[in-house]
Amino acid sequence: DEVNAELGLDVEGELVFCSRSGRPGQPWLEPDV
């Protein structure tokens, strides 16, 4: 909201994740970047 207001834009943002580790079958937060 802040950068859109400052720059006069309407870009979208979303949360993604990195550095997944642990057992392959264990659920981790996604999506990966």
PDB file of all heavy atoms in Angstrom:
ATOM      1  N   ASP A   1       0.831  -1.211   0.000  1.00  0.00           N
ATOM      2  CA  ASP A   1       0.000   0.000   0.000  1.00  0.00           C
ATOM      3  C   ASP A   1       0.866   1.262   0.000  1.00  0.00           C
ATOM      4  O   ASP A   1       0.570   2.235  -0.714  1.00  0.00           O
ATOM      5  CB  ASP A   1      -0.921   0.008   1.220  1.00  0.00           C
ATOM      6  CG  ASP A   1      -2.022  -1.041   1.140  1.00  0.00           C
ATOM      7  OD1 ASP A   1      -2.263  -1.574   0.040  1.00  0.00           O
ATOM      8  OD2 ASP A   1      -2.633  -1.323   2.197  1.00  0.00           O
ATOM      9  N   GLU A   2       1.925   1.245   0.791  1.00  0.00           N
ATOM     10  CA  GLU A   2       2.772   2.426   0.921  1.00  0.00           C
ATOM     11  C   GLU A   2       3.502   2.747  -0.385  1.00  0.00           C
ATOM     12  O   GLU A   2       3.540   3.902  -0.819  1.00  0.00           O
ATOM     13  CB  GLU A   2       3.795   2.210   2.046  1.00  0.00           C
ATOM     14  CG  GLU A   2       3.204   2.213   3.433  1.00  0.00           C
ATOM     15  CD  GLU A   2       2.996   3.615   3.968  1.00  0.00           C
ATOM     16  OE1 GLU A   2       3.789   4.509   3.628  1.00  0.00           O
ATOM     17  OE2 GLU A   2       2.039   3.811   4.746  1.00  0.00           O
ATOM     18  N   VAL A   3       4.109   1.737  -1.007  1.00  0.00           N
ATOM     19  CA  VAL A   3       4.882   2.015  -2.228  1.00  0.00           C
ATOM     20  C   VAL A   3       3.956   2.347  -3.390  1.00  0.00           C
ATOM     21  O   VAL A   3       4.303   3.181  -4.256  1.00  0.00           O
ATOM     22  CB  VAL A   3       5.834   0.851  -2.584  1.00  0.00           C
ATOM     23  CG1 VAL A   3       6.856   0.645  -1.482  1.00  0.00           C
ATOM     24  CG2 VAL A   3       5.093  -0.439  -2.875  1.00  0.00           C
ATOM     25  N   ASN A   4       2.785   1.732  -3.441  1.00  0.00           N
ATOM     26  CA  ASN A   4       1.829   2.096  -4.488  1.00  0.00           C
ATOM     27  C   ASN A   4       1.408   3.552  -4.355  1.00  0.00           C
ATOM     28  O   ASN A   4       1.326   4.291  -5.353  1.00  0.00           O
ATOM     29  CB  ASN A   4       0.606   1.186  -4.423  1.00  0.00           C
ATOM     30  CG  ASN A   4       0.816  -0.140  -5.124  1.00  0.00           C
ATOM     31  OD1 ASN A   4       1.622  -0.242  -6.056  1.00  0.00           O
ATOM     32  ND2 ASN A   4       0.111  -1.174  -4.694  1.00  0.00           N
ATOM     33  N   ALA A   5       1.174   3.980  -3.127  1.00  0.00           N
ATOM     34  CA  ALA A   5       0.768   5.367  -2.906  1.00  0.00           C
ATOM     35  C   ALA A   5       1.899   6.336  -3.241  1.00  0.00           C
ATOM     36  O   ALA A   5       1.675   7.384  -3.858  1.00  0.00           O
ATOM     37  CB  ALA A   5       0.329   5.556  -1.459  1.00  0.00           C
ATOM     38  N   GLU A   6       3.127   5.983  -2.873  1.00  0.00           N
ATOM     39  CA  GLU A   6       4.258   6.876  -3.110  1.00  0.00           C
ATOM     40  C   GLU A   6       4.606   6.983  -4.581  1.00  0.00           C
ATOM     41  O   GLU A   6       4.954   8.065  -5.071  1.00  0.00           O
ATOM     42  CB  GLU A   6       5.472   6.407  -2.314  1.00  0.00           C
ATOM     43  CG  GLU A   6       6.687   7.319  -2.454  1.00  0.00           C
ATOM     44  CD  GLU A   6       7.766   7.028  -1.446  1.00  0.00           C
ATOM     45  OE1 GLU A   6       7.491   6.339  -0.436  1.00  0.00           O
ATOM     46  OE2 GLU A   6       8.903   7.488  -1.650  1.00  0.00           O
ATOM     47  N   LEU A   7       4.515   5.856  -5.309  1.00  0.00           N
ATOM     48  CA  LEU A   7       4.935   5.841  -6.710  1.00  0.00           C
ATOM     49  C   LEU A   7       3.772   5.950  -7.692  1.00  0.00           C
ATOM     50  O   LEU A   7       3.987   5.981  -8.911  1.00  0.00           O
ATOM     51  CB  LEU A   7       5.721   4.559  -6.998  1.00  0.00           C
ATOM     52  CG  LEU A   7       7.032   4.399  -6.212  1.00  0.00           C
ATOM     53  CD1 LEU A   7       7.659   3.039  -6.508  1.00  0.00           C
ATOM     54  CD2 LEU A   7       8.007   5.525  -6.534  1.00  0.00           C
ATOM     55  N   GLY A   8       2.546   6.003  -7.200  1.00  0.00           N
ATOM     56  CA  GLY A   8       1.394   6.084  -8.086  1.00  0.00           C
ATOM     57  C   GLY A   8       1.187   4.813  -8.891  1.00  0.00           C
ATOM     58  O   GLY A   8       0.800   4.879 -10.061  1.00  0.00           O
ATOM     59  N   LEU A   9       1.412   3.664  -8.257  1.00  0.00           N
ATOM     60  CA  LEU A   9       1.299   2.378  -8.944  1.00  0.00           C
ATOM     61  C   LEU A   9       0.140   1.571  -8.365  1.00  0.00           C
ATOM     62  O   LEU A   9      -0.524   1.991  -7.416  1.00  0.00           O
ATOM     63  CB  LEU A   9       2.606   1.586  -8.791  1.00  0.00           C
ATOM     64  CG  LEU A   9       3.884   2.225  -9.332  1.00  0.00           C
ATOM     65  CD1 LEU A   9       5.096   1.372  -8.966  1.00  0.00           C
ATOM     66  CD2 LEU A   9       3.789   2.390 -10.849  1.00  0.00           C
ATOM     67  N   ASP A  10      -0.064   0.397  -8.940  1.00  0.00           N
ATOM     68  CA  ASP A  10      -1.064  -0.539  -8.433  1.00  0.00           C
ATOM     69  C   ASP A  10      -0.500  -1.954  -8.532  1.00  0.00           C
ATOM     70  O   ASP A  10      -1.168  -2.870  -8.997  1.00  0.00           O
ATOM     71  CB  ASP A  10      -2.364  -0.411  -9.241  1.00  0.00           C
ATOM     72  CG  ASP A  10      -3.503  -1.201  -8.599  1.00  0.00           C
ATOM     73  OD1 ASP A  10      -3.463  -1.409  -7.368  1.00  0.00           O
ATOM     74  OD2 ASP A  10      -4.418  -1.618  -9.330  1.00  0.00           O
ATOM     75  N   VAL A  11       0.758  -2.114  -8.094  1.00  0.00           N
ATOM     76  CA  VAL A  11       1.386  -3.434  -8.165  1.00  0.00           C
ATOM     77  C   VAL A  11       0.818  -4.340  -7.083  1.00  0.00           C
ATOM     78  O   VAL A  11       0.278  -3.878  -6.067  1.00  0.00           O
ATOM     79  CB  VAL A  11       2.925  -3.335  -8.025  1.00  0.00           C
ATOM     80  CG1 VAL A  11       3.520  -2.494  -9.137  1.00  0.00           C
ATOM     81  CG2 VAL A  11       3.308  -2.784  -6.666  1.00  0.00           C
ATOM     82  N   GLU A  12       0.956  -5.627  -7.294  1.00  0.00           N
ATOM     83  CA  GLU A  12       0.500  -6.622  -6.321  1.00  0.00           C
ATOM     84  C   GLU A  12       1.711  -7.226  -5.613  1.00  0.00           C
ATOM     85  O   GLU A  12       2.804  -7.291  -6.166  1.00  0.00           O
ATOM     86  CB  GLU A  12      -0.286  -7.735  -7.008  1.00  0.00           C
ATOM     87  CG  GLU A  12      -1.574  -7.262  -7.654  1.00  0.00           C
ATOM     88  CD  GLU A  12      -2.331  -8.403  -8.319  1.00  0.00           C
ATOM     89  OE1 GLU A  12      -2.030  -9.583  -7.991  1.00  0.00           O
ATOM     90  OE2 GLU A  12      -3.193  -8.124  -9.158  1.00  0.00           O
ATOM     91  N   GLY A  13       1.490  -7.658  -4.382  1.00  0.00           N
ATOM     92  CA  GLY A  13       2.522  -8.343  -3.618  1.00  0.00           C
ATOM     93  C   GLY A  13       1.981  -9.624  -3.031  1.00  0.00           C
ATOM     94  O   GLY A  13       0.771  -9.740  -2.792  1.00  0.00           O
ATOM     95  N   GLU A  14       2.857 -10.581  -2.803  1.00  0.00           N
ATOM     96  CA  GLU A  14       2.441 -11.847  -2.211  1.00  0.00           C
ATOM     97  C   GLU A  14       3.594 -12.449  -1.426  1.00  0.00           C
ATOM     98  O   GLU A  14       4.769 -12.116  -1.654  1.00  0.00           O
ATOM     99  CB  GLU A  14       1.970 -12.827  -3.290  1.00  0.00           C
ATOM    100  CG  GLU A  14       3.026 -13.154  -4.334  1.00  0.00           C
ATOM    101  CD  GLU A  14       2.469 -14.037  -5.440  1.00  0.00           C
ATOM    102  OE1 GLU A  14       2.408 -15.262  -5.226  1.00  0.00           O
ATOM    103  OE2 GLU A  14       2.105 -13.490  -6.510  1.00  0.00           O
ATOM    104  N   LEU A  15       3.275 -13.336  -0.499  1.00  0.00           N
ATOM    105  CA  LEU A  15       4.270 -13.967   0.355  1.00  0.00           C
ATOM    106  C   LEU A  15       4.708 -15.302  -0.234  1.00  0.00           C
ATOM    107  O   LEU A  15       3.863 -16.137  -0.607  1.00  0.00           O
ATOM    108  CB  LEU A  15       3.690 -14.185   1.757  1.00  0.00           C
ATOM    109  CG  LEU A  15       4.628 -14.810   2.794  1.00  0.00           C
ATOM    110  CD1 LEU A  15       5.817 -13.889   3.080  1.00  0.00           C
ATOM    111  CD2 LEU A  15       3.862 -15.108   4.082  1.00  0.00           C
ATOM    112  N   VAL A  16       6.025 -15.503  -0.324  1.00  0.00           N
ATOM    113  CA  VAL A  16       6.599 -16.765  -0.772  1.00  0.00           C
ATOM    114  C   VAL A  16       7.714 -17.139   0.208  1.00  0.00           C
ATOM    115  O   VAL A  16       8.068 -16.369   1.100  1.00  0.00           O
ATOM    116  CB  VAL A  16       7.141 -16.680  -2.217  1.00  0.00           C
ATOM    117  CG1 VAL A  16       6.028 -16.376  -3.196  1.00  0.00           C
ATOM    118  CG2 VAL A  16       8.251 -15.649  -2.326  1.00  0.00           C
ATOM    119  N   PHE A  17       8.305 -18.329  -0.005  1.00  0.00           N
ATOM    120  CA  PHE A  17       9.217 -18.873   0.992  1.00  0.00           C
ATOM    121  C   PHE A  17      10.497 -19.398   0.345  1.00  0.00           C
ATOM    122  O   PHE A  17      10.541 -19.682  -0.847  1.00  0.00           O
ATOM    123  CB  PHE A  17       8.525 -19.995   1.768  1.00  0.00           C
ATOM    124  CG  PHE A  17       7.249 -19.541   2.440  1.00  0.00           C
ATOM    125  CD1 PHE A  17       6.036 -19.636   1.774  1.00  0.00           C
ATOM    126  CD2 PHE A  17       7.276 -18.982   3.700  1.00  0.00           C
ATOM    127  CE1 PHE A  17       4.863 -19.197   2.368  1.00  0.00           C
ATOM    128  CE2 PHE A  17       6.110 -18.531   4.298  1.00  0.00           C
ATOM    129  CZ  PHE A  17       4.900 -18.641   3.633  1.00  0.00           C
ATOM    130  N   CYS A  18      11.540 -19.505   1.179  1.00  0.00           N
ATOM    131  CA  CYS A  18      12.820 -20.040   0.710  1.00  0.00           C
ATOM    132  C   CYS A  18      13.415 -20.939   1.783  1.00  0.00           C
ATOM    133  O   CYS A  18      12.902 -21.022   2.901  1.00  0.00           O
ATOM    134  CB  CYS A  18      13.791 -18.900   0.365  1.00  0.00           C
ATOM    135  SG  CYS A  18      14.401 -17.982   1.795  1.00  0.00           S
ATOM    136  N   SER A  19      14.494 -21.619   1.420  1.00  0.00           N
ATOM    137  CA  SER A  19      15.327 -22.362   2.382  1.00  0.00           C
ATOM    138  C   SER A  19      14.611 -23.523   3.061  1.00  0.00           C
ATOM    139  O   SER A  19      14.872 -23.846   4.217  1.00  0.00           O
ATOM    140  CB  SER A  19      15.876 -21.417   3.456  1.00  0.00           C
ATOM    141  OG  SER A  19      16.511 -20.312   2.883  1.00  0.00           O
ATOM    142  N   ARG A  20      13.708 -24.183   2.334  1.00  0.00           N
ATOM    143  CA  ARG A  20      13.054 -25.350   2.909  1.00  0.00           C
ATOM    144  C   ARG A  20      14.081 -26.430   3.197  1.00  0.00           C
ATOM    145  O   ARG A  20      15.002 -26.667   2.427  1.00  0.00           O
ATOM    146  CB  ARG A  20      12.018 -25.910   1.938  1.00  0.00           C
ATOM    147  CG  ARG A  20      11.174 -27.016   2.555  1.00  0.00           C
ATOM    148  CD  ARG A  20      10.690 -28.023   1.534  1.00  0.00           C
ATOM    149  NE  ARG A  20       9.719 -28.951   2.077  1.00  0.00           N
ATOM    150  CZ  ARG A  20      10.022 -29.994   2.846  1.00  0.00           C
ATOM    151  NH1 ARG A  20      11.276 -30.233   3.182  1.00  0.00           N
ATOM    152  NH2 ARG A  20       9.069 -30.796   3.308  1.00  0.00           N
ATOM    153  N   SER A  21      13.942 -27.093   4.339  1.00  0.00           N
ATOM    154  CA  SER A  21      14.805 -28.233   4.668  1.00  0.00           C
ATOM    155  C   SER A  21      13.939 -29.263   5.375  1.00  0.00           C
ATOM    156  O   SER A  21      12.716 -29.176   5.345  1.00  0.00           O
ATOM    157  CB  SER A  21      15.986 -27.795   5.541  1.00  0.00           C
ATOM    158  OG  SER A  21      15.543 -27.218   6.748  1.00  0.00           O
ATOM    159  N   GLY A  22      14.564 -30.256   6.001  1.00  0.00           N
ATOM    160  CA  GLY A  22      13.765 -31.249   6.703  1.00  0.00           C
ATOM    161  C   GLY A  22      13.395 -32.431   5.822  1.00  0.00           C
ATOM    162  O   GLY A  22      13.748 -32.511   4.649  1.00  0.00           O
ATOM    163  N   ARG A  23      12.661 -33.362   6.401  1.00  0.00           N
ATOM    164  CA  ARG A  23      12.283 -34.591   5.700  1.00  0.00           C
ATOM    165  C   ARG A  23      11.373 -34.274   4.515  1.00  0.00           C
ATOM    166  O   ARG A  23      10.488 -33.405   4.623  1.00  0.00           O
ATOM    167  CB  ARG A  23      11.575 -35.553   6.657  1.00  0.00           C
ATOM    168  CG  ARG A  23      12.420 -35.974   7.855  1.00  0.00           C
ATOM    169  CD  ARG A  23      11.694 -37.037   8.689  1.00  0.00           C
ATOM    170  NE  ARG A  23      10.375 -36.584   9.115  1.00  0.00           N
ATOM    171  CZ  ARG A  23      10.155 -35.845  10.200  1.00  0.00           C
ATOM    172  NH1 ARG A  23      11.155 -35.436  10.946  1.00  0.00           N
ATOM    173  NH2 ARG A  23       8.920 -35.501  10.535  1.00  0.00           N
ATOM    174  N   PRO A  24      11.535 -34.980   3.395  1.00  0.00           N
ATOM    175  CA  PRO A  24      10.731 -34.690   2.204  1.00  0.00           C
ATOM    176  C   PRO A  24       9.225 -34.774   2.443  1.00  0.00           C
ATOM    177  O   PRO A  24       8.460 -34.019   1.858  1.00  0.00           O
ATOM    178  CB  PRO A  24      11.192 -35.754   1.197  1.00  0.00           C
ATOM    179  CG  PRO A  24      12.578 -36.107   1.638  1.00  0.00           C
ATOM    180  CD  PRO A  24      12.562 -36.023   3.135  1.00  0.00           C
ATOM    181  N   GLY A  25       8.792 -35.695   3.311  1.00  0.00           N
ATOM    182  CA  GLY A  25       7.363 -35.867   3.529  1.00  0.00           C
ATOM    183  C   GLY A  25       6.759 -34.905   4.532  1.00  0.00           C
ATOM    184  O   GLY A  25       5.541 -34.886   4.717  1.00  0.00           O
ATOM    185  N   GLN A  26       7.580 -34.095   5.185  1.00  0.00           N
ATOM    186  CA  GLN A  26       7.075 -33.171   6.195  1.00  0.00           C
ATOM    187  C   GLN A  26       6.551 -31.903   5.532  1.00  0.00           C
ATOM    188  O   GLN A  26       7.269 -31.275   4.754  1.00  0.00           O
ATOM    189  CB  GLN A  26       8.192 -32.822   7.182  1.00  0.00           C
ATOM    190  CG  GLN A  26       7.742 -31.919   8.327  1.00  0.00           C
ATOM    191  CD  GLN A  26       8.893 -31.548   9.246  1.00  0.00           C
ATOM    192  OE1 GLN A  26      10.029 -31.391   8.813  1.00  0.00           O
ATOM    193  NE2 GLN A  26       8.600 -31.422  10.533  1.00  0.00           N
ATOM    194  N   PRO A  27       5.324 -31.511   5.812  1.00  0.00           N
ATOM    195  CA  PRO A  27       4.783 -30.294   5.182  1.00  0.00           C
ATOM    196  C   PRO A  27       5.496 -29.033   5.681  1.00  0.00           C
ATOM    197  O   PRO A  27       5.635 -28.825   6.892  1.00  0.00           O
ATOM    198  CB  PRO A  27       3.309 -30.294   5.608  1.00  0.00           C
ATOM    199  CG  PRO A  27       3.027 -31.683   6.084  1.00  0.00           C
ATOM    200  CD  PRO A  27       4.312 -32.190   6.644  1.00  0.00           C
ATOM    201  N   TRP A  28       5.930 -28.197   4.745  1.00  0.00           N
ATOM    202  CA  TRP A  28       6.537 -26.907   5.052  1.00  0.00           C
ATOM    203  C   TRP A  28       5.739 -25.839   4.315  1.00  0.00           C
ATOM    204  O   TRP A  28       4.996 -26.119   3.376  1.00  0.00           O
ATOM    205  CB  TRP A  28       7.997 -26.875   4.603  1.00  0.00           C
ATOM    206  CG  TRP A  28       8.943 -27.569   5.552  1.00  0.00           C
ATOM    207  CD1 TRP A  28       8.883 -28.866   5.975  1.00  0.00           C
ATOM    208  CD2 TRP A  28      10.093 -27.008   6.195  1.00  0.00           C
ATOM    209  NE1 TRP A  28       9.910 -29.154   6.833  1.00  0.00           N
ATOM    210  CE2 TRP A  28      10.679 -28.033   6.983  1.00  0.00           C
ATOM    211  CE3 TRP A  28      10.692 -25.757   6.171  1.00  0.00           C
ATOM    212  CZ2 TRP A  28      11.828 -27.814   7.753  1.00  0.00           C
ATOM    213  CZ3 TRP A  28      11.839 -25.538   6.929  1.00  0.00           C
ATOM    214  CH2 TRP A  28      12.391 -26.560   7.723  1.00  0.00           C
ATOM    215  N   LEU A  29       5.914 -24.598   4.743  1.00  0.00           N
ATOM    216  CA  LEU A  29       5.187 -23.494   4.127  1.00  0.00           C
ATOM    217  C   LEU A  29       5.589 -23.327   2.668  1.00  0.00           C
ATOM    218  O   LEU A  29       6.764 -23.393   2.318  1.00  0.00           O
ATOM    219  CB  LEU A  29       5.447 -22.200   4.895  1.00  0.00           C
ATOM    220  CG  LEU A  29       4.911 -22.166   6.332  1.00  0.00           C
ATOM    221  CD1 LEU A  29       5.342 -20.879   7.026  1.00  0.00           C
ATOM    222  CD2 LEU A  29       3.395 -22.302   6.364  1.00  0.00           C
ATOM    223  N   GLU A  30       4.614 -23.082   1.819  1.00  0.00           N
ATOM    224  CA  GLU A  30       4.800 -22.897   0.377  1.00  0.00           C
ATOM    225  C   GLU A  30       3.965 -21.700  -0.070  1.00  0.00           C
ATOM    226  O   GLU A  30       3.102 -21.228   0.674  1.00  0.00           O
ATOM    227  CB  GLU A  30       4.339 -24.168  -0.369  1.00  0.00           C
ATOM    228  CG  GLU A  30       5.154 -25.395  -0.039  1.00  0.00           C
ATOM    229  CD  GLU A  30       4.633 -26.641  -0.745  1.00  0.00           C
ATOM    230  OE1 GLU A  30       3.423 -26.669  -1.084  1.00  0.00           O
ATOM    231  OE2 GLU A  30       5.412 -27.579  -0.951  1.00  0.00           O
ATOM    232  N   PRO A  31       4.213 -21.159  -1.289  1.00  0.00           N
ATOM    233  CA  PRO A  31       5.058 -21.694  -2.359  1.00  0.00           C
ATOM    234  C   PRO A  31       6.521 -21.269  -2.222  1.00  0.00           C
ATOM    235  O   PRO A  31       6.820 -20.222  -1.641  1.00  0.00           O
ATOM    236  CB  PRO A  31       4.446 -21.059  -3.619  1.00  0.00           C
ATOM    237  CG  PRO A  31       3.949 -19.734  -3.126  1.00  0.00           C
ATOM    238  CD  PRO A  31       3.425 -19.997  -1.738  1.00  0.00           C
ATOM    239  N   ASP A  32       7.391 -22.087  -2.779  1.00  0.00           N
ATOM    240  CA  ASP A  32       8.801 -21.750  -2.854  1.00  0.00           C
ATOM    241  C   ASP A  32       8.993 -20.612  -3.853  1.00  0.00           C
ATOM    242  O   ASP A  32       8.303 -20.538  -4.876  1.00  0.00           O
ATOM    243  CB  ASP A  32       9.597 -22.974  -3.293  1.00  0.00           C
ATOM    244  CG  ASP A  32      11.070 -22.670  -3.461  1.00  0.00           C
ATOM    245  OD1 ASP A  32      11.776 -22.592  -2.441  1.00  0.00           O
ATOM    246  OD2 ASP A  32      11.506 -22.473  -4.615  1.00  0.00           O
ATOM    247  N   VAL A  33       9.927 -19.723  -3.564  1.00  0.00           N
ATOM    248  CA  VAL A  33      10.142 -18.558  -4.416  1.00  0.00           C
ATOM    249  C   VAL A  33      10.472 -18.950  -5.854  1.00  0.00           C
ATOM    250  O   VAL A  33      10.006 -18.319  -6.810  1.00  0.00           O
ATOM    251  CB  VAL A  33      11.237 -17.641  -3.828  1.00  0.00           C
ATOM    252  CG1 VAL A  33      12.570 -18.370  -3.668  1.00  0.00           C
ATOM    253  CG2 VAL A  33      11.402 -16.379  -4.648  1.00  0.00           C
TER     254      VAL A  33
END
